[in-house]
């Protein structure tokens, strides 16, 4: 892979982790019940995918 593609993959991973942090903060502060659990689960999924993209950009 060329370096620019690796850079974009890394930036997408970072963006997903930032979005995950904002979502979990919003979910814990402003929501209750099922919506809170659903947002937290979605945020966790984004965090895991963002982490995997970050690791992928380091390995490649």
N, C-alpha and C. Protein backbone atom coordinates (compact mmCIF):
# COMPACT_ATOMS: atom_id res chain seq x y z
N UNK A 1 0.84 -1.19 0.00
CA UNK A 1 0.00 0.00 0.00
C UNK A 1 0.87 1.24 0.00
N UNK A 2 0.38 2.25 -0.68
CA UNK A 2 1.16 3.48 -0.69
C UNK A 2 0.93 4.26 0.62
N UNK A 3 1.86 5.11 0.99
CA UNK A 3 1.77 5.81 2.28
C UNK A 3 0.53 6.69 2.45
N UNK A 4 0.02 7.27 1.36
CA UNK A 4 -1.17 8.11 1.49
C UNK A 4 -2.40 7.29 1.89
N UNK A 5 -2.53 6.10 1.35
CA UNK A 5 -3.65 5.23 1.71
C UNK A 5 -3.56 4.82 3.17
N UNK A 6 -2.36 4.51 3.62
CA UNK A 6 -2.17 4.14 5.03
C UNK A 6 -2.51 5.33 5.93
N UNK A 7 -2.16 6.54 5.50
CA UNK A 7 -2.49 7.74 6.28
C UNK A 7 -4.00 7.90 6.40
N UNK A 8 -4.72 7.72 5.30
CA UNK A 8 -6.17 7.87 5.34
C UNK A 8 -6.83 6.80 6.19
N UNK A 9 -6.32 5.59 6.13
CA UNK A 9 -6.85 4.52 6.99
C UNK A 9 -6.64 4.87 8.45
N UNK A 10 -5.47 5.40 8.77
CA UNK A 10 -5.17 5.79 10.14
C UNK A 10 -6.08 6.93 10.60
N UNK A 11 -6.31 7.92 9.74
CA UNK A 11 -7.17 9.04 10.11
C UNK A 11 -8.62 8.61 10.30
N UNK A 12 -9.08 7.68 9.48
CA UNK A 12 -10.44 7.15 9.66
C UNK A 12 -10.54 6.43 11.01
N UNK A 13 -9.52 5.66 11.36
CA UNK A 13 -9.51 4.97 12.65
C UNK A 13 -9.53 5.95 13.82
N UNK A 14 -8.75 7.01 13.72
CA UNK A 14 -8.73 8.03 14.77
C UNK A 14 -10.10 8.71 14.87
N UNK A 15 -10.67 9.03 13.72
CA UNK A 15 -12.00 9.66 13.71
C UNK A 15 -13.06 8.78 14.33
N UNK A 16 -12.99 7.48 14.06
CA UNK A 16 -13.96 6.57 14.65
C UNK A 16 -13.81 6.49 16.16
N UNK A 17 -12.58 6.53 16.64
CA UNK A 17 -12.37 6.49 18.09
C UNK A 17 -12.85 7.77 18.76
N UNK A 18 -12.66 8.92 18.10
CA UNK A 18 -13.15 10.20 18.64
C UNK A 18 -14.68 10.18 18.67
N UNK A 19 -15.30 9.72 17.58
CA UNK A 19 -16.75 9.63 17.53
C UNK A 19 -17.28 8.69 18.61
N UNK A 20 -16.56 7.62 18.86
CA UNK A 20 -16.94 6.69 19.90
C UNK A 20 -16.93 7.36 21.28
N UNK A 21 -15.88 8.11 21.55
CA UNK A 21 -15.79 8.81 22.84
C UNK A 21 -16.91 9.83 23.01
N UNK A 22 -17.24 10.56 21.94
CA UNK A 22 -18.33 11.53 22.02
C UNK A 22 -19.68 10.85 22.21
N UNK A 23 -19.87 9.73 21.53
CA UNK A 23 -21.14 9.00 21.67
C UNK A 23 -21.32 8.43 23.07
N UNK A 24 -20.28 7.89 23.65
CA UNK A 24 -20.42 7.31 24.99
C UNK A 24 -20.64 8.41 26.01
N UNK A 25 -20.00 9.56 25.82
CA UNK A 25 -20.23 10.69 26.72
C UNK A 25 -21.67 11.16 26.63
N UNK A 26 -22.19 11.29 25.42
CA UNK A 26 -23.58 11.70 25.23
C UNK A 26 -24.54 10.67 25.82
N UNK A 27 -24.27 9.40 25.57
CA UNK A 27 -25.16 8.34 26.05
C UNK A 27 -25.23 8.31 27.57
N UNK A 28 -24.10 8.50 28.21
CA UNK A 28 -24.10 8.44 29.68
C UNK A 28 -24.69 9.69 30.32
N UNK A 29 -24.57 10.84 29.65
CA UNK A 29 -25.03 12.09 30.25
C UNK A 29 -26.50 12.40 29.95
N UNK A 30 -26.98 12.06 28.76
CA UNK A 30 -28.28 12.56 28.33
C UNK A 30 -29.36 11.50 28.10
N UNK A 31 -29.01 10.22 28.08
CA UNK A 31 -30.01 9.22 27.75
C UNK A 31 -30.20 8.21 28.87
N UNK A 32 -31.30 7.46 28.77
CA UNK A 32 -31.60 6.43 29.75
C UNK A 32 -32.20 5.23 29.04
N UNK A 33 -32.17 4.10 29.70
CA UNK A 33 -32.85 2.92 29.22
C UNK A 33 -32.22 2.27 28.01
N UNK A 34 -33.10 1.83 27.09
CA UNK A 34 -32.64 1.08 25.92
C UNK A 34 -31.74 1.92 25.02
N UNK A 35 -32.07 3.19 24.84
CA UNK A 35 -31.27 4.07 23.97
C UNK A 35 -29.85 4.20 24.50
N UNK A 36 -29.72 4.28 25.81
CA UNK A 36 -28.38 4.37 26.42
C UNK A 36 -27.56 3.12 26.12
N UNK A 37 -28.18 1.97 26.26
CA UNK A 37 -27.49 0.72 25.97
C UNK A 37 -27.13 0.58 24.50
N UNK A 38 -28.06 0.97 23.63
CA UNK A 38 -27.82 0.86 22.19
C UNK A 38 -26.69 1.80 21.76
N UNK A 39 -26.69 3.03 22.26
CA UNK A 39 -25.62 3.97 21.91
C UNK A 39 -24.28 3.51 22.46
N UNK A 40 -24.28 2.96 23.66
CA UNK A 40 -23.04 2.45 24.25
C UNK A 40 -22.49 1.28 23.45
N UNK A 41 -23.38 0.38 23.02
CA UNK A 41 -22.96 -0.76 22.21
C UNK A 41 -22.41 -0.31 20.86
N UNK A 42 -23.08 0.65 20.24
CA UNK A 42 -22.60 1.19 18.96
C UNK A 42 -21.25 1.88 19.14
N UNK A 43 -21.10 2.62 20.22
CA UNK A 43 -19.83 3.30 20.50
C UNK A 43 -18.71 2.29 20.72
N UNK A 44 -19.01 1.21 21.42
CA UNK A 44 -18.00 0.17 21.63
C UNK A 44 -17.59 -0.46 20.30
N UNK A 45 -18.56 -0.70 19.44
CA UNK A 45 -18.25 -1.25 18.12
C UNK A 45 -17.36 -0.31 17.31
N UNK A 46 -17.67 0.98 17.35
CA UNK A 46 -16.83 1.96 16.65
C UNK A 46 -15.41 1.98 17.22
N UNK A 47 -15.31 1.87 18.54
CA UNK A 47 -14.00 1.87 19.17
C UNK A 47 -13.17 0.67 18.73
N UNK A 48 -13.79 -0.49 18.67
CA UNK A 48 -13.07 -1.69 18.27
C UNK A 48 -12.63 -1.60 16.81
N UNK A 49 -13.53 -1.16 15.93
CA UNK A 49 -13.18 -1.05 14.51
C UNK A 49 -12.09 0.01 14.31
N UNK A 50 -12.20 1.14 15.00
CA UNK A 50 -11.17 2.18 14.91
C UNK A 50 -9.82 1.69 15.40
N UNK A 51 -9.83 0.90 16.48
CA UNK A 51 -8.59 0.32 16.98
C UNK A 51 -7.97 -0.63 15.96
N UNK A 52 -8.81 -1.47 15.35
CA UNK A 52 -8.29 -2.41 14.36
C UNK A 52 -7.72 -1.68 13.14
N UNK A 53 -8.37 -0.60 12.72
CA UNK A 53 -7.82 0.19 11.60
C UNK A 53 -6.49 0.82 11.98
N UNK A 54 -6.38 1.31 13.22
CA UNK A 54 -5.11 1.87 13.68
C UNK A 54 -3.99 0.85 13.71
N UNK A 55 -4.28 -0.33 14.20
CA UNK A 55 -3.28 -1.40 14.24
C UNK A 55 -2.92 -1.81 12.81
N UNK A 56 -3.91 -1.89 11.93
CA UNK A 56 -3.65 -2.24 10.53
C UNK A 56 -2.73 -1.22 9.88
N UNK A 57 -2.94 0.07 10.16
CA UNK A 57 -2.09 1.09 9.54
C UNK A 57 -0.67 1.04 10.08
N UNK A 58 -0.47 0.54 11.28
CA UNK A 58 0.88 0.40 11.83
C UNK A 58 1.57 -0.81 11.22
N UNK A 59 0.84 -1.92 11.10
CA UNK A 59 1.43 -3.15 10.60
C UNK A 59 1.82 -3.04 9.13
N UNK A 60 0.95 -2.41 8.33
CA UNK A 60 1.20 -2.30 6.88
C UNK A 60 2.25 -1.27 6.72
